[in-house]
Structure formats: structure tokens, C-alpha cells
Amino acid sequence: MISRGGRDIRWWTWAGYRANATLAATLGSLADEKQRVDEASIRLRGDLTREMWHAVTADAAAQLSLPDIDERALNGLKFNEALPRRLAVATLSASPTSTASPPYSANRPAGSVTARTV
């Protein structure tokens, strides 16, 4: 369900944090780059049109993107120097510690995931 209140447009997925982080990364420029992904919704660009939505989502399932991973989380991985970067990013993106958590903070474990760095 997509709701619009003025320029605040949200896609209510109720899919959970990790799924919404992946969806926001896949939507790319359609997702509001200043947002913090949460468990229930993804904030979209205020100028989103139906045509823009259809253009990006038509083949989104074939082009799923991993969410951005905070550099501090990558550096916190044990043996991170030995892992190829792509494998380290995939490992953190699939980490169970990131299932329903907010973006990285000093109190978070190394497996923290963010959809965008602010």
C-alpha cells in the first residue's frame, strides 16, 4: 500500500527491517535518500509519479540490490582483511543480527545494515 500525505509518500510493506533495506536499495533514486529504513515502511521521493514507479519497479525483482553496509560494520568483521569485499557485504546483508534493527550506532553489533548513510 502506498500512502501520500502532501510530499510524504510511503510504501507500507510491513516486511521487516532487512527486507525494507533491500527494497530501498533496489528502488535506488525512488527511495528518499534521507530516510532511515524501518520495519513497516519505505519513504519515497516527494515528487514520485506513477510513471516513475512503474519504470523502476517493472523489473525490480530481477535486479534486487543489497543494502549499503556501514564501513564500521565491515571493519568489525572478524578476518575482514581476508574476505573479498563483495562477500563481506553479502555476509552482513544476510546477517541475522540485522533482521529488525535501526541503522548503525555505537551500541549495535558489527552486523549493522543501513539503506543509506546520512
PDB file of N, CA and C in Angstrom:
ATOM      1  N   MET A   1       0.841  -1.161   0.000  1.00  0.00           N
ATOM      2  CA  MET A   1       0.000   0.000   0.000  1.00  0.00           C
ATOM      3  C   MET A   1       0.894   1.233   0.000  1.00  0.00           C
ATOM      4  N   ILE A   2       0.592   2.184  -0.854  1.00  0.00           N
ATOM      5  CA  ILE A   2       1.331   3.440  -0.892  1.00  0.00           C
ATOM      6  C   ILE A   2       0.402   4.542  -0.410  1.00  0.00           C
ATOM      7  N   SER A   3       0.880   5.334   0.556  1.00  0.00           N
ATOM      8  CA  SER A   3       0.086   6.454   1.062  1.00  0.00           C
ATOM      9  C   SER A   3       0.814   7.755   0.745  1.00  0.00           C
ATOM     10  N   ARG A   4       0.026   8.786   0.534  1.00  0.00           N
ATOM     11  CA  ARG A   4       0.588  10.099   0.211  1.00  0.00           C
ATOM     12  C   ARG A   4      -0.075  11.133   1.101  1.00  0.00           C
ATOM     13  N   GLY A   5       0.757  11.883   1.819  1.00  0.00           N
ATOM     14  CA  GLY A   5       0.286  12.992   2.632  1.00  0.00           C
ATOM     15  C   GLY A   5       1.125  14.209   2.286  1.00  0.00           C
ATOM     16  N   GLY A   6       0.668  14.998   1.327  1.00  0.00           N
ATOM     17  CA  GLY A   6       1.494  16.101   0.841  1.00  0.00           C
ATOM     18  C   GLY A   6       2.673  15.533   0.067  1.00  0.00           C
ATOM     19  N   ARG A   7       3.882  15.887   0.516  1.00  0.00           N
ATOM     20  CA  ARG A   7       5.086  15.358  -0.135  1.00  0.00           C
ATOM     21  C   ARG A   7       5.646  14.142   0.598  1.00  0.00           C
ATOM     22  N   ASP A   8       4.954  13.667   1.630  1.00  0.00           N
ATOM     23  CA  ASP A   8       5.381  12.477   2.342  1.00  0.00           C
ATOM     24  C   ASP A   8       4.695  11.264   1.712  1.00  0.00           C
ATOM     25  N   ILE A   9       5.469  10.482   0.979  1.00  0.00           N
ATOM     26  CA  ILE A   9       4.949   9.297   0.302  1.00  0.00           C
ATOM     27  C   ILE A   9       5.619   8.083   0.922  1.00  0.00           C
ATOM     28  N   ARG A  10       4.811   7.137   1.361  1.00  0.00           N
ATOM     29  CA  ARG A  10       5.338   5.922   1.998  1.00  0.00           C
ATOM     30  C   ARG A  10       4.769   4.681   1.337  1.00  0.00           C
ATOM     31  N   TRP A  11       5.664   3.705   1.181  1.00  0.00           N
ATOM     32  CA  TRP A  11       5.262   2.373   0.733  1.00  0.00           C
ATOM     33  C   TRP A  11       5.227   1.515   1.981  1.00  0.00           C
ATOM     34  N   TRP A  12       4.025   1.164   2.413  1.00  0.00           N
ATOM     35  CA  TRP A  12       3.833   0.357   3.610  1.00  0.00           C
ATOM     36  C   TRP A  12       3.958  -1.103   3.213  1.00  0.00           C
ATOM     37  N   THR A  13       5.060  -1.730   3.604  1.00  0.00           N
ATOM     38  CA  THR A  13       5.329  -3.122   3.236  1.00  0.00           C
ATOM     39  C   THR A  13       5.107  -4.070   4.402  1.00  0.00           C
ATOM     40  N   TRP A  14       5.337  -3.605   5.614  1.00  0.00           N
ATOM     41  CA  TRP A  14       5.311  -4.426   6.826  1.00  0.00           C
ATOM     42  C   TRP A  14       6.197  -5.668   6.641  1.00  0.00           C
ATOM     43  N   ALA A  15       7.276  -5.526   5.887  1.00  0.00           N
ATOM     44  CA  ALA A  15       8.133  -6.655   5.510  1.00  0.00           C
ATOM     45  C   ALA A  15       9.282  -6.892   6.475  1.00  0.00           C
ATOM     46  N   GLY A  16       9.529  -5.967   7.389  1.00  0.00           N
ATOM     47  CA  GLY A  16      10.666  -6.101   8.292  1.00  0.00           C
ATOM     48  C   GLY A  16      11.840  -5.243   7.830  1.00  0.00           C
ATOM     49  N   TYR A  17      12.730  -4.997   8.770  1.00  0.00           N
ATOM     50  CA  TYR A  17      13.845  -4.093   8.503  1.00  0.00           C
ATOM     51  C   TYR A  17      14.725  -4.554   7.344  1.00  0.00           C
ATOM     52  N   ARG A  18      15.179  -5.794   7.393  1.00  0.00           N
ATOM     53  CA  ARG A  18      16.125  -6.271   6.385  1.00  0.00           C
ATOM     54  C   ARG A  18      15.492  -6.255   4.993  1.00  0.00           C
ATOM     55  N   ALA A  19      14.266  -6.715   4.865  1.00  0.00           N
ATOM     56  CA  ALA A  19      13.588  -6.703   3.562  1.00  0.00           C
ATOM     57  C   ALA A  19      13.401  -5.274   3.066  1.00  0.00           C
ATOM     58  N   ASN A  20      13.020  -4.352   3.952  1.00  0.00           N
ATOM     59  CA  ASN A  20      12.836  -2.965   3.536  1.00  0.00           C
ATOM     60  C   ASN A  20      14.160  -2.315   3.139  1.00  0.00           C
ATOM     61  N   ALA A  21      15.258  -2.669   3.809  1.00  0.00           N
ATOM     62  CA  ALA A  21      16.575  -2.146   3.420  1.00  0.00           C
ATOM     63  C   ALA A  21      16.936  -2.626   2.015  1.00  0.00           C
ATOM     64  N   THR A  22      16.640  -3.885   1.719  1.00  0.00           N
ATOM     65  CA  THR A  22      16.901  -4.427   0.387  1.00  0.00           C
ATOM     66  C   THR A  22      16.009  -3.758  -0.651  1.00  0.00           C
ATOM     67  N   LEU A  23      14.730  -3.580  -0.329  1.00  0.00           N
ATOM     68  CA  LEU A  23      13.812  -2.918  -1.265  1.00  0.00           C
ATOM     69  C   LEU A  23      14.231  -1.472  -1.520  1.00  0.00           C
ATOM     70  N   ALA A  24      14.615  -0.748  -0.482  1.00  0.00           N
ATOM     71  CA  ALA A  24      15.046   0.650  -0.644  1.00  0.00           C
ATOM     72  C   ALA A  24      16.289   0.725  -1.524  1.00  0.00           C
ATOM     73  N   ALA A  25      17.232  -0.203  -1.331  1.00  0.00           N
ATOM     74  CA  ALA A  25      18.431  -0.224  -2.168  1.00  0.00           C
ATOM     75  C   ALA A  25      18.067  -0.539  -3.615  1.00  0.00           C
ATOM     76  N   THR A  26      17.107  -1.427  -3.820  1.00  0.00           N
ATOM     77  CA  THR A  26      16.681  -1.797  -5.168  1.00  0.00           C
ATOM     78  C   THR A  26      15.943  -0.648  -5.851  1.00  0.00           C
ATOM     79  N   LEU A  27      15.160   0.098  -5.088  1.00  0.00           N
ATOM     80  CA  LEU A  27      14.431   1.239  -5.661  1.00  0.00           C
ATOM     81  C   LEU A  27      15.355   2.381  -6.052  1.00  0.00           C
ATOM     82  N   GLY A  28      16.532   2.415  -5.458  1.00  0.00           N
ATOM     83  CA  GLY A  28      17.516   3.443  -5.805  1.00  0.00           C
ATOM     84  C   GLY A  28      16.986   4.843  -5.603  1.00  0.00           C
ATOM     85  N   SER A  29      16.925   5.607  -6.684  1.00  0.00           N
ATOM     86  CA  SER A  29      16.557   7.025  -6.598  1.00  0.00           C
ATOM     87  C   SER A  29      15.090   7.258  -6.240  1.00  0.00           C
ATOM     88  N   LEU A  30      14.243   6.227  -6.290  1.00  0.00           N
ATOM     89  CA  LEU A  30      12.846   6.417  -5.890  1.00  0.00           C
ATOM     90  C   LEU A  30      12.696   6.517  -4.381  1.00  0.00           C
ATOM     91  N   ALA A  31      13.606   5.882  -3.634  1.00  0.00           N
ATOM     92  CA  ALA A  31      13.563   5.951  -2.173  1.00  0.00           C
ATOM     93  C   ALA A  31      14.149   7.296  -1.733  1.00  0.00           C
ATOM     94  N   ASP A  32      13.570   7.876  -0.709  1.00  0.00           N
ATOM     95  CA  ASP A  32      14.075   9.134  -0.159  1.00  0.00           C
ATOM     96  C   ASP A  32      15.458   8.873   0.426  1.00  0.00           C
ATOM     97  N   GLU A  33      16.470   9.543  -0.113  1.00  0.00           N
ATOM     98  CA  GLU A  33      17.851   9.264   0.312  1.00  0.00           C
ATOM     99  C   GLU A  33      18.141   9.698   1.745  1.00  0.00           C
ATOM    100  N   LYS A  34      17.275  10.492   2.346  1.00  0.00           N
ATOM    101  CA  LYS A  34      17.485  10.932   3.725  1.00  0.00           C
ATOM    102  C   LYS A  34      16.768  10.048   4.743  1.00  0.00           C
ATOM    103  N   GLN A  35      16.094   9.026   4.267  1.00  0.00           N
ATOM    104  CA  GLN A  35      15.292   8.186   5.153  1.00  0.00           C
ATOM    105  C   GLN A  35      16.144   7.240   5.984  1.00  0.00           C
ATOM    106  N   ARG A  36      15.543   6.773   7.058  1.00  0.00           N
ATOM    107  CA  ARG A  36      16.060   5.646   7.815  1.00  0.00           C
ATOM    108  C   ARG A  36      15.031   4.543   7.656  1.00  0.00           C
ATOM    109  N   VAL A  37      15.465   3.449   7.101  1.00  0.00           N
ATOM    110  CA  VAL A  37      14.561   2.323   6.857  1.00  0.00           C
ATOM    111  C   VAL A  37      14.061   1.788   8.192  1.00  0.00           C
ATOM    112  N   ASP A  38      12.787   1.397   8.231  1.00  0.00           N
ATOM    113  CA  ASP A  38      12.250   0.766   9.432  1.00  0.00           C
ATOM    114  C   ASP A  38      11.546  -0.532   9.054  1.00  0.00           C
ATOM    115  N   GLU A  39      10.883  -1.138  10.023  1.00  0.00           N
ATOM    116  CA  GLU A  39      10.259  -2.441   9.832  1.00  0.00           C
ATOM    117  C   GLU A  39       8.969  -2.381   9.011  1.00  0.00           C
ATOM    118  N   ALA A  40       8.336  -1.217   8.965  1.00  0.00           N
ATOM    119  CA  ALA A  40       6.997  -1.133   8.395  1.00  0.00           C
ATOM    120  C   ALA A  40       6.912  -0.478   7.021  1.00  0.00           C
ATOM    121  N   SER A  41       7.777   0.503   6.734  1.00  0.00           N
ATOM    122  CA  SER A  41       7.576   1.269   5.507  1.00  0.00           C
ATOM    123  C   SER A  41       8.888   1.783   4.929  1.00  0.00           C
ATOM    124  N   ILE A  42       8.785   2.243   3.684  1.00  0.00           N
ATOM    125  CA  ILE A  42       9.897   2.898   2.994  1.00  0.00           C
ATOM    126  C   ILE A  42       9.373   4.254   2.541  1.00  0.00           C
ATOM    127  N   ARG A  43      10.079   5.324   2.932  1.00  0.00           N
ATOM    128  CA  ARG A  43       9.677   6.659   2.476  1.00  0.00           C
ATOM    129  C   ARG A  43      10.222   6.855   1.067  1.00  0.00           C
ATOM    130  N   LEU A  44       9.352   7.319   0.173  1.00  0.00           N
ATOM    131  CA  LEU A  44       9.705   7.524  -1.219  1.00  0.00           C
ATOM    132  C   LEU A  44       9.884   9.006  -1.521  1.00  0.00           C
ATOM    133  N   ARG A  45      10.459   9.299  -2.668  1.00  0.00           N
ATOM    134  CA  ARG A  45      10.657  10.692  -3.088  1.00  0.00           C
ATOM    135  C   ARG A  45       9.339  11.438  -3.108  1.00  0.00           C
ATOM    136  N   GLY A  46       9.381  12.703  -2.732  1.00  0.00           N
ATOM    137  CA  GLY A  46       8.178  13.520  -2.687  1.00  0.00           C
ATOM    138  C   GLY A  46       7.595  13.836  -4.049  1.00  0.00           C
ATOM    139  N   ASP A  47       8.411  13.753  -5.106  1.00  0.00           N
ATOM    140  CA  ASP A  47       7.939  14.074  -6.453  1.00  0.00           C
ATOM    141  C   ASP A  47       7.639  12.807  -7.277  1.00  0.00           C
ATOM    142  N   LEU A  48       7.471  11.687  -6.594  1.00  0.00           N
ATOM    143  CA  LEU A  48       7.223  10.409  -7.271  1.00  0.00           C
ATOM    144  C   LEU A  48       5.938  10.469  -8.081  1.00  0.00           C
ATOM    145  N   THR A  49       6.034   9.976  -9.316  1.00  0.00           N
ATOM    146  CA  THR A  49       4.856   9.859 -10.174  1.00  0.00           C
ATOM    147  C   THR A  49       4.587   8.386 -10.447  1.00  0.00           C
ATOM    148  N   ARG A  50       3.395   8.098 -10.908  1.00  0.00           N
ATOM    149  CA  ARG A  50       3.020   6.726 -11.255  1.00  0.00           C
ATOM    150  C   ARG A  50       3.948   6.174 -12.345  1.00  0.00           C
ATOM    151  N   GLU A  51       4.304   7.024 -13.302  1.00  0.00           N
ATOM    152  CA  GLU A  51       5.171   6.600 -14.400  1.00  0.00           C
ATOM    153  C   GLU A  51       6.571   6.243 -13.887  1.00  0.00           C
ATOM    154  N   MET A  52       7.097   7.062 -12.964  1.00  0.00           N
ATOM    155  CA  MET A  52       8.409   6.774 -12.376  1.00  0.00           C
ATOM    156  C   MET A  52       8.367   5.439 -11.640  1.00  0.00           C
ATOM    157  N   TRP A  53       7.322   5.221 -10.849  1.00  0.00           N
ATOM    158  CA  TRP A  53       7.182   3.983 -10.082  1.00  0.00           C
ATOM    159  C   TRP A  53       7.184   2.766 -11.006  1.00  0.00           C
ATOM    160  N   HIS A  54       6.370   2.817 -12.070  1.00  0.00           N
ATOM    161  CA  HIS A  54       6.268   1.681 -12.985  1.00  0.00           C
ATOM    162  C   HIS A  54       7.577   1.447 -13.740  1.00  0.00           C
ATOM    163  N   ALA A  55       8.271   2.513 -14.101  1.00  0.00           N
ATOM    164  CA  ALA A  55       9.534   2.362 -14.832  1.00  0.00           C
ATOM    165  C   ALA A  55      10.588   1.627 -13.998  1.00  0.00           C
ATOM    166  N   VAL A  56      10.663   1.938 -12.715  1.00  0.00           N
ATOM    167  CA  VAL A  56      11.684   1.336 -11.859  1.00  0.00           C
ATOM    168  C   VAL A  56      11.264  -0.045 -11.354  1.00  0.00           C
ATOM    169  N   THR A  57       9.989  -0.227 -11.053  1.00  0.00           N
ATOM    170  CA  THR A  57       9.559  -1.486 -10.440  1.00  0.00           C
ATOM    171  C   THR A  57       9.216  -2.579 -11.451  1.00  0.00           C
ATOM    172  N   ALA A  58       9.147  -2.257 -12.728  1.00  0.00           N
ATOM    173  CA  ALA A  58       8.769  -3.246 -13.738  1.00  0.00           C
ATOM    174  C   ALA A  58       9.677  -4.476 -13.710  1.00  0.00           C
ATOM    175  N   ASP A  59      10.963  -4.277 -13.514  1.00  0.00           N
ATOM    176  CA  ASP A  59      11.895  -5.414 -13.491  1.00  0.00           C
ATOM    177  C   ASP A  59      12.710  -5.450 -12.197  1.00  0.00           C
ATOM    178  N   ALA A  60      12.171  -4.888 -11.142  1.00  0.00           N
ATOM    179  CA  ALA A  60      12.901  -4.805  -9.868  1.00  0.00           C
ATOM    180  C   ALA A  60      13.242  -6.183  -9.310  1.00  0.00           C
ATOM    181  N   ALA A  61      12.367  -7.154  -9.474  1.00  0.00           N
ATOM    182  CA  ALA A  61      12.631  -8.489  -8.932  1.00  0.00           C
ATOM    183  C   ALA A  61      13.891  -9.100  -9.549  1.00  0.00           C
ATOM    184  N   ALA A  62      14.160  -8.770 -10.794  1.00  0.00           N
ATOM    185  CA  ALA A  62      15.343  -9.297 -11.470  1.00  0.00           C
ATOM    186  C   ALA A  62      16.605  -8.522 -11.111  1.00  0.00           C
ATOM    187  N   GLN A  63      16.440  -7.356 -10.481  1.00  0.00           N
ATOM    188  CA  GLN A  63      17.589  -6.506 -10.197  1.00  0.00           C
ATOM    189  C   GLN A  63      17.688  -6.139  -8.722  1.00  0.00           C
ATOM    190  N   LEU A  64      17.364  -7.068  -7.827  1.00  0.00           N
ATOM    191  CA  LEU A  64      17.465  -6.791  -6.396  1.00  0.00           C
ATOM    192  C   LEU A  64      18.884  -6.362  -6.044  1.00  0.00           C
ATOM    193  N   SER A  65      18.989  -5.352  -5.212  1.00  0.00           N
ATOM    194  CA  SER A  65      20.285  -4.831  -4.780  1.00  0.00           C
ATOM    195  C   SER A  65      20.465  -5.053  -3.293  1.00  0.00           C
ATOM    196  N   LEU A  66      21.696  -5.282  -2.886  1.00  0.00           N
ATOM    197  CA  LEU A  66      21.999  -5.375  -1.463  1.00  0.00           C
ATOM    198  C   LEU A  66      21.997  -3.980  -0.861  1.00  0.00           C
ATOM    199  N   PRO A  67      21.549  -3.842   0.379  1.00  0.00           N
ATOM    200  CA  PRO A  67      21.612  -2.530   1.034  1.00  0.00           C
ATOM    201  C   PRO A  67      23.069  -2.135   1.287  1.00  0.00           C
ATOM    202  N   ASP A  68      23.313  -0.825   1.405  1.00  0.00           N
ATOM    203  CA  ASP A  68      24.641  -0.329   1.738  1.00  0.00           C
ATOM    204  C   ASP A  68      25.010  -0.788   3.138  1.00  0.00           C
ATOM    205  N   ILE A  69      26.245  -1.122   3.321  1.00  0.00           N
ATOM    206  CA  ILE A  69      26.749  -1.563   4.614  1.00  0.00           C
ATOM    207  C   ILE A  69      27.698  -0.493   5.146  1.00  0.00           C
ATOM    208  N   ASP A  70      27.518  -0.140   6.383  1.00  0.00           N
ATOM    209  CA  ASP A  70      28.379   0.848   7.028  1.00  0.00           C
ATOM    210  C   ASP A  70      29.809   0.325   7.083  1.00  0.00           C
ATOM    211  N   GLU A  71      30.770   1.165   6.732  1.00  0.00           N
ATOM    212  CA  GLU A  71      32.189   0.787   6.745  1.00  0.00           C
ATOM    213  C   GLU A  71      32.615   0.249   8.111  1.00  0.00           C
ATOM    214  N   ARG A  72      32.061   0.824   9.178  1.00  0.00           N
ATOM    215  CA  ARG A  72      32.425   0.358  10.520  1.00  0.00           C
ATOM    216  C   ARG A  72      31.984  -1.082  10.737  1.00  0.00           C
ATOM    217  N   ALA A  73      30.860  -1.463  10.134  1.00  0.00           N
ATOM    218  CA  ALA A  73      30.409  -2.846  10.253  1.00  0.00           C
ATOM    219  C   ALA A  73      31.349  -3.775   9.488  1.00  0.00           C
ATOM    220  N   LEU A  74      31.768  -3.347   8.293  1.00  0.00           N
ATOM    221  CA  LEU A  74      32.714  -4.166   7.527  1.00  0.00           C
ATOM    222  C   LEU A  74      34.034  -4.321   8.277  1.00  0.00           C
ATOM    223  N   ASN A  75      34.519  -3.223   8.825  1.00  0.00           N
ATOM    224  CA  ASN A  75      35.779  -3.264   9.562  1.00  0.00           C
ATOM    225  C   ASN A  75      35.674  -4.109  10.825  1.00  0.00           C
ATOM    226  N   GLY A  76      34.478  -4.249  11.363  1.00  0.00           N
ATOM    227  CA  GLY A  76      34.277  -5.019  12.578  1.00  0.00           C
ATOM    228  C   GLY A  76      34.192  -6.525  12.356  1.00  0.00           C
ATOM    229  N   LEU A  77      34.111  -6.938  11.093  1.00  0.00           N
ATOM    230  CA  LEU A  77      34.054  -8.374  10.817  1.00  0.00           C
ATOM    231  C   LEU A  77      35.378  -9.039  11.180  1.00  0.00           C
ATOM    232  N   LYS A  78      35.277 -10.175  11.812  1.00  0.00           N
ATOM    233  CA  LYS A  78      36.473 -10.952  12.127  1.00  0.00           C
ATOM    234  C   LYS A  78      37.088 -11.426  10.803  1.00  0.00           C
ATOM    235  N   PHE A  79      38.369 -11.294  10.663  1.00  0.00           N
ATOM    236  CA  PHE A  79      39.104 -11.681   9.461  1.00  0.00           C
ATOM    237  C   PHE A  79      38.658 -10.884   8.237  1.00  0.00           C
ATOM    238  N   ASN A  80      38.232  -9.637   8.425  1.00  0.00           N
ATOM    239  CA  ASN A  80      37.729  -8.847   7.301  1.00  0.00           C
ATOM    240  C   ASN A  80      38.767  -8.627   6.209  1.00  0.00           C
ATOM    241  N   GLU A  81      40.047  -8.594   6.567  1.00  0.00           N
ATOM    242  CA  GLU A  81      41.092  -8.394   5.561  1.00  0.00           C
ATOM    243  C   GLU A  81      41.183  -9.586   4.612  1.00  0.00           C
ATOM    244  N   ALA A  82      40.772 -10.755   5.069  1.00  0.00           N
ATOM    245  CA  ALA A  82      40.877 -11.970   4.257  1.00  0.00           C
ATOM    246  C   ALA A  82      39.661 -12.180   3.349  1.00  0.00           C
ATOM    247  N   LEU A  83      38.574 -11.458   3.598  1.00  0.00           N
ATOM    248  CA  LEU A  83      37.352 -11.634   2.808  1.00  0.00           C
ATOM    249  C   LEU A  83      37.331 -10.681   1.623  1.00  0.00           C
ATOM    250  N   PRO A  84      36.931 -11.180   0.445  1.00  0.00           N
ATOM    251  CA  PRO A  84      36.675 -10.246  -0.659  1.00  0.00           C
ATOM    252  C   PRO A  84      35.532  -9.309  -0.242  1.00  0.00           C
ATOM    253  N   ARG A  85      35.618  -8.043  -0.622  1.00  0.00           N
ATOM    254  CA  ARG A  85      34.645  -7.033  -0.178  1.00  0.00           C
ATOM    255  C   ARG A  85      33.209  -7.463  -0.494  1.00  0.00           C
ATOM    256  N   ARG A  86      32.954  -7.971  -1.687  1.00  0.00           N
ATOM    257  CA  ARG A  86      31.595  -8.355  -2.084  1.00  0.00           C
ATOM    258  C   ARG A  86      31.048  -9.450  -1.159  1.00  0.00           C
ATOM    259  N   LEU A  87      31.895 -10.392  -0.772  1.00  0.00           N
ATOM    260  CA  LEU A  87      31.474 -11.444   0.139  1.00  0.00           C
ATOM    261  C   LEU A  87      31.180 -10.880   1.525  1.00  0.00           C
ATOM    262  N   ALA A  88      32.001  -9.936   1.971  1.00  0.00           N
ATOM    263  CA  ALA A  88      31.773  -9.317   3.281  1.00  0.00           C
ATOM    264  C   ALA A  88      30.447  -8.551   3.285  1.00  0.00           C
ATOM    265  N   VAL A  89      30.162  -7.816   2.221  1.00  0.00           N
ATOM    266  CA  VAL A  89      28.900  -7.071   2.119  1.00  0.00           C
ATOM    267  C   VAL A  89      27.725  -8.040   2.101  1.00  0.00           C
ATOM    268  N   ALA A  90      27.824  -9.114   1.315  1.00  0.00           N
ATOM    269  CA  ALA A  90      26.743 -10.105   1.247  1.00  0.00           C
ATOM    270  C   ALA A  90      26.538 -10.770   2.596  1.00  0.00           C
ATOM    271  N   THR A  91      27.630 -11.036   3.306  1.00  0.00           N
ATOM    272  CA  THR A  91      27.536 -11.666   4.623  1.00  0.00           C
ATOM    273  C   THR A  91      26.789 -10.771   5.595  1.00  0.00           C
ATOM    274  N   LEU A  92      27.140  -9.487   5.627  1.00  0.00           N
ATOM    275  CA  LEU A  92      26.463  -8.563   6.541  1.00  0.00           C
ATOM    276  C   LEU A  92      25.025  -8.302   6.126  1.00  0.00           C
ATOM    277  N   SER A  93      24.757  -8.272   4.834  1.00  0.00           N
ATOM    278  CA  SER A  93      23.386  -8.046   4.362  1.00  0.00           C
ATOM    279  C   SER A  93      22.466  -9.184   4.768  1.00  0.00           C
ATOM    280  N   ALA A  94      23.010 -10.384   4.864  1.00  0.00           N
ATOM    281  CA  ALA A  94      22.208 -11.550   5.223  1.00  0.00           C
ATOM    282  C   ALA A  94      22.298 -11.882   6.708  1.00  0.00           C
ATOM    283  N   SER A  95      22.996 -11.067   7.461  1.00  0.00           N
ATOM    284  CA  SER A  95      23.237 -11.349   8.868  1.00  0.00           C
ATOM    285  C   SER A  95      21.953 -11.346   9.682  1.00  0.00           C
ATOM    286  N   PRO A  96      21.743 -12.373  10.513  1.00  0.00           N
ATOM    287  CA  PRO A  96      20.554 -12.391  11.367  1.00  0.00           C
ATOM    288  C   PRO A  96      20.536 -11.250  12.377  1.00  0.00           C
ATOM    289  N   THR A  97      21.674 -10.644  12.670  1.00  0.00           N
ATOM    290  CA  THR A  97      21.700  -9.536  13.624  1.00  0.00           C
ATOM    291  C   THR A  97      21.070  -8.291  13.048  1.00  0.00           C
ATOM    292  N   SER A  98      20.845  -8.256  11.736  1.00  0.00           N
ATOM    293  CA  SER A  98      20.266  -7.071  11.115  1.00  0.00           C
ATOM    294  C   SER A  98      18.781  -7.233  10.814  1.00  0.00           C
ATOM    295  N   THR A  99      18.151  -8.258  11.319  1.00  0.00           N
ATOM    296  CA  THR A  99      16.765  -8.572  10.976  1.00  0.00           C
ATOM    297  C   THR A  99      15.791  -7.432  11.229  1.00  0.00           C
ATOM    298  N   ALA A 100      15.804  -6.834  12.401  1.00  0.00           N
ATOM    299  CA  ALA A 100      14.826  -5.784  12.708  1.00  0.00           C
ATOM    300  C   ALA A 100      15.491  -4.709  13.543  1.00  0.00           C
ATOM    301  N   SER A 101      16.536  -4.122  13.000  1.00  0.00           N
ATOM    302  CA  SER A 101      17.324  -3.179  13.776  1.00  0.00           C
ATOM    303  C   SER A 101      17.470  -1.864  13.043  1.00  0.00           C
ATOM    304  N   PRO A 102      17.625  -0.768  13.774  1.00  0.00           N
ATOM    305  CA  PRO A 102      17.856   0.517  13.144  1.00  0.00           C
ATOM    306  C   PRO A 102      19.274   0.594  12.611  1.00  0.00           C
ATOM    307  N   PRO A 103      19.611   1.658  11.830  1.00  0.00           N
ATOM    308  CA  PRO A 103      20.956   1.793  11.300  1.00  0.00           C
ATOM    309  C   PRO A 103      22.033   1.806  12.387  1.00  0.00           C
ATOM    310  N   TYR A 104      23.250   1.668  11.970  1.00  0.00           N
ATOM    311  CA  TYR A 104      24.420   1.514  12.832  1.00  0.00           C
ATOM    312  C   TYR A 104      24.523   2.589  13.905  1.00  0.00           C
ATOM    313  N   SER A 105      24.848   2.188  15.086  1.00  0.00           N
ATOM    314  CA  SER A 105      25.194   3.113  16.158  1.00  0.00           C
ATOM    315  C   SER A 105      26.266   2.446  16.997  1.00  0.00           C
ATOM    316  N   ALA A 106      26.854   3.162  17.905  1.00  0.00           N
ATOM    317  CA  ALA A 106      27.929   2.627  18.730  1.00  0.00           C
ATOM    318  C   ALA A 106      27.454   1.452  19.577  1.00  0.00           C
ATOM    319  N   ASN A 107      26.160   1.362  19.842  1.00  0.00           N
ATOM    320  CA  ASN A 107      25.628   0.288  20.674  1.00  0.00           C
ATOM    321  C   ASN A 107      25.194  -0.933  19.884  1.00  0.00           C
ATOM    322  N   ARG A 108      25.413  -0.936  18.587  1.00  0.00           N
ATOM    323  CA  ARG A 108      24.972  -2.021  17.718  1.00  0.00           C
ATOM    324  C   ARG A 108      26.085  -3.004  17.436  1.00  0.00           C
ATOM    325  N   PRO A 109      25.758  -4.266  17.166  1.00  0.00           N
ATOM    326  CA  PRO A 109      26.764  -5.250  16.785  1.00  0.00           C
ATOM    327  C   PRO A 109      27.330  -4.962  15.400  1.00  0.00           C
ATOM    328  N   ALA A 110      28.402  -5.611  15.057  1.00  0.00           N
ATOM    329  CA  ALA A 110      29.104  -5.357  13.790  1.00  0.00           C
ATOM    330  C   ALA A 110      28.257  -5.654  12.568  1.00  0.00           C
ATOM    331  N   GLY A 111      27.201  -6.433  12.672  1.00  0.00           N
ATOM    332  CA  GLY A 111      26.383  -6.797  11.516  1.00  0.00           C
ATOM    333  C   GLY A 111      25.348  -5.768  11.142  1.00  0.00           C
ATOM    334  N   SER A 112      25.517  -4.522  11.512  1.00  0.00           N
ATOM    335  CA  SER A 112      24.527  -3.488  11.267  1.00  0.00           C
ATOM    336  C   SER A 112      24.411  -3.160   9.786  1.00  0.00           C
ATOM    337  N   VAL A 113      23.178  -2.903   9.340  1.00  0.00           N
ATOM    338  CA  VAL A 113      22.903  -2.606   7.957  1.00  0.00           C
ATOM    339  C   VAL A 113      22.213  -1.263   7.859  1.00  0.00           C
ATOM    340  N   THR A 114      22.565  -0.455   6.853  1.00  0.00           N
ATOM    341  CA  THR A 114      21.856   0.779   6.583  1.00  0.00           C
ATOM    342  C   THR A 114      21.494   0.807   5.115  1.00  0.00           C
ATOM    343  N   ALA A 115      20.368   1.398   4.786  1.00  0.00           N
ATOM    344  CA  ALA A 115      19.984   1.524   3.389  1.00  0.00           C
ATOM    345  C   ALA A 115      20.693   2.714   2.761  1.00  0.00           C
ATOM    346  N   ARG A 116      20.905   3.725   3.487  1.00  0.00           N
ATOM    347  CA  ARG A 116      21.620   4.921   3.052  1.00  0.00           C
ATOM    348  C   ARG A 116      22.420   5.441   4.234  1.00  0.00           C
ATOM    349  N   THR A 117      23.587   5.987   3.973  1.00  0.00           N
ATOM    350  CA  THR A 117      24.332   6.629   5.049  1.00  0.00           C
ATOM    351  C   THR A 117      23.934   8.099   5.056  1.00  0.00           C
ATOM    352  N   VAL A 118      23.684   8.646   6.217  1.00  0.00           N
ATOM    353  CA  VAL A 118      23.201  10.030   6.336  1.00  0.00           C
ATOM    354  C   VAL A 118      24.310  10.903   6.838  1.00  0.00           C
TER     355      VAL A 118
END
